[in-house]
Protein backbone atom coordinates (compact mmCIF):
# COMPACT_ATOMS: atom_id res chain seq x y z
CA MET A 1 -41.94 -39.27 -23.24
CA GLN A 2 -39.50 -39.68 -20.42
CA MET A 3 -37.33 -36.88 -19.20
CA SER A 4 -33.72 -37.86 -18.77
CA ARG A 5 -31.76 -36.44 -15.92
CA PRO A 6 -28.81 -34.22 -16.77
CA PRO A 7 -25.42 -35.79 -16.11
CA GLN A 8 -24.03 -35.20 -12.62
CA PRO A 9 -20.67 -33.40 -12.42
CA SER A 10 -17.76 -35.48 -11.25
CA PRO A 11 -15.83 -34.55 -8.08
CA ASN A 12 -12.97 -33.32 -10.31
CA ASP A 13 -15.36 -31.01 -12.15
CA LEU A 14 -16.62 -29.58 -8.85
CA MET A 15 -13.07 -29.05 -7.59
CA ARG A 16 -12.08 -27.31 -10.83
CA PHE A 17 -15.18 -25.09 -10.64
CA ARG A 18 -14.40 -24.14 -7.04
CA THR A 19 -10.81 -23.30 -8.02
CA PHE A 20 -12.04 -21.00 -10.80
CA ILE A 21 -14.47 -19.31 -8.43
CA ALA A 22 -11.75 -18.81 -5.79
CA ALA A 23 -9.35 -17.39 -8.38
CA GLY A 24 -12.04 -15.05 -9.69
CA LEU A 25 -12.89 -13.81 -6.21
CA ALA A 26 -9.21 -13.25 -5.43
CA ALA A 27 -8.77 -11.25 -8.63
CA LEU A 28 -11.87 -9.20 -7.83
CA ALA A 29 -10.69 -8.52 -4.28
CA SER A 30 -7.26 -7.39 -5.43
CA ALA A 31 -8.78 -5.13 -8.10
CA CYS A 32 -11.05 -3.51 -5.52
CA ALA A 33 -8.33 -3.04 -2.92
CA SER A 34 -7.15 0.50 -2.41
CA HIS A 35 -3.90 1.28 -4.16
CA PRO A 36 -1.28 3.33 -2.30
CA ASP A 37 -0.98 5.74 -5.20
CA SER A 38 -4.66 6.61 -5.06
CA SER A 39 -5.06 7.16 -1.32
CA ALA A 40 -5.06 10.66 0.11
CA PRO A 41 -2.25 11.43 2.57
CA THR A 42 -2.98 11.33 6.28
CA TYR A 43 -2.03 14.60 7.94
CA VAL A 44 1.24 14.41 9.87
CA PRO A 45 2.20 17.62 11.68
CA PRO A 46 5.55 19.04 10.53
CA SER A 47 6.43 19.55 14.20
CA THR A 48 7.00 15.79 14.30
CA PHE A 49 10.27 16.38 12.41
CA GLU A 50 11.26 19.92 13.47
CA ASN A 51 13.93 18.76 15.92
CA LEU A 52 15.78 16.70 13.31
CA THR A 53 18.92 17.90 11.54
CA CYS A 54 19.07 18.00 7.75
CA ARG A 55 21.03 14.74 7.79
CA GLN A 56 18.40 13.09 10.00
CA LEU A 57 15.64 14.40 7.75
CA GLY A 58 17.41 12.82 4.76
CA GLU A 59 17.72 9.49 6.57
CA GLU A 60 14.04 9.57 7.50
CA GLN A 61 13.13 10.41 3.91
CA LYS A 62 15.08 7.35 2.70
CA ARG A 63 13.44 5.12 5.31
CA ILE A 64 9.95 6.26 4.29
CA THR A 65 10.79 5.88 0.60
CA ARG A 66 11.88 2.27 1.26
CA ALA A 67 8.67 1.63 3.23
CA GLU A 68 6.56 3.03 0.37
CA ALA A 69 8.37 0.77 -2.10
CA THR A 70 7.60 -2.30 0.02
CA GLY A 71 3.91 -1.54 0.35
CA GLY A 72 3.97 0.11 3.74
CA ARG A 73 6.41 -2.13 5.59
CA LEU A 74 8.33 -0.01 8.04
CA ASP A 75 11.72 -1.49 8.94
CA GLY A 76 10.63 -4.88 7.58
CA LYS A 77 7.58 -5.10 9.84
CA PRO A 78 4.22 -5.82 8.21
CA GLY A 79 2.14 -2.72 7.62
CA ASP A 80 -1.59 -2.20 7.71
CA ALA A 81 -4.00 -0.74 5.19
CA ASP A 82 -3.58 2.82 6.52
CA ASP A 83 0.21 2.88 6.24
CA PRO A 84 0.48 4.14 2.62
CA ALA A 85 -1.59 7.24 3.46
CA LEU A 86 0.39 7.80 6.66
CA LEU A 87 3.68 7.45 4.79
CA LYS A 88 2.53 10.03 2.23
CA GLY A 89 1.59 12.42 5.01
CA ALA A 90 4.92 11.92 6.75
CA MET A 91 6.76 12.56 3.48
CA GLU A 92 4.85 15.82 2.99
CA ALA A 93 5.71 16.93 6.52
CA LEU A 94 9.37 15.99 5.99
CA GLU A 95 9.49 18.00 2.78
CA GLN A 96 7.97 21.05 4.48
CA VAL A 97 10.49 20.95 7.34
CA SER A 98 13.33 20.33 4.88
CA ILE A 99 12.35 23.46 2.93
CA GLU A 100 12.05 25.54 6.12
CA LYS A 101 15.55 24.46 7.20
CA ASN A 102 17.04 24.98 3.71
CA CYS A 103 18.18 21.36 3.50
CA SER A 104 19.27 20.14 0.09
CA ILE A 105 17.04 17.05 0.02
CA GLU A 106 15.29 16.18 -3.22
CA PHE A 107 11.78 14.81 -2.92
CA GLN A 108 10.28 12.80 -5.75
CA HIS A 109 6.62 13.40 -6.53
CA GLY A 110 4.39 10.99 -8.43
């Protein structure tokens, strides 16, 4: 009894297999990446913002909110992986200074 060799995959089959593997790895990497909502805030001292007026605090709050919405891009510049936590910390410091100065700035949580 002779053993027959299994059929060899064609180059198209190999390319398709590699594409599926690459797509699977990309999906796995994105699922394992840290999400901005789940990262703990980096401490930013409130003294960073103490010299700002209420109006300036409000402008800074808007700028940070825009940066959070764009995944950590500050003023359109690419951010790095630590930016979401830093932005959260800056927002907490801004809110604390805003409360101390009795500014009427609303901060959204969550």
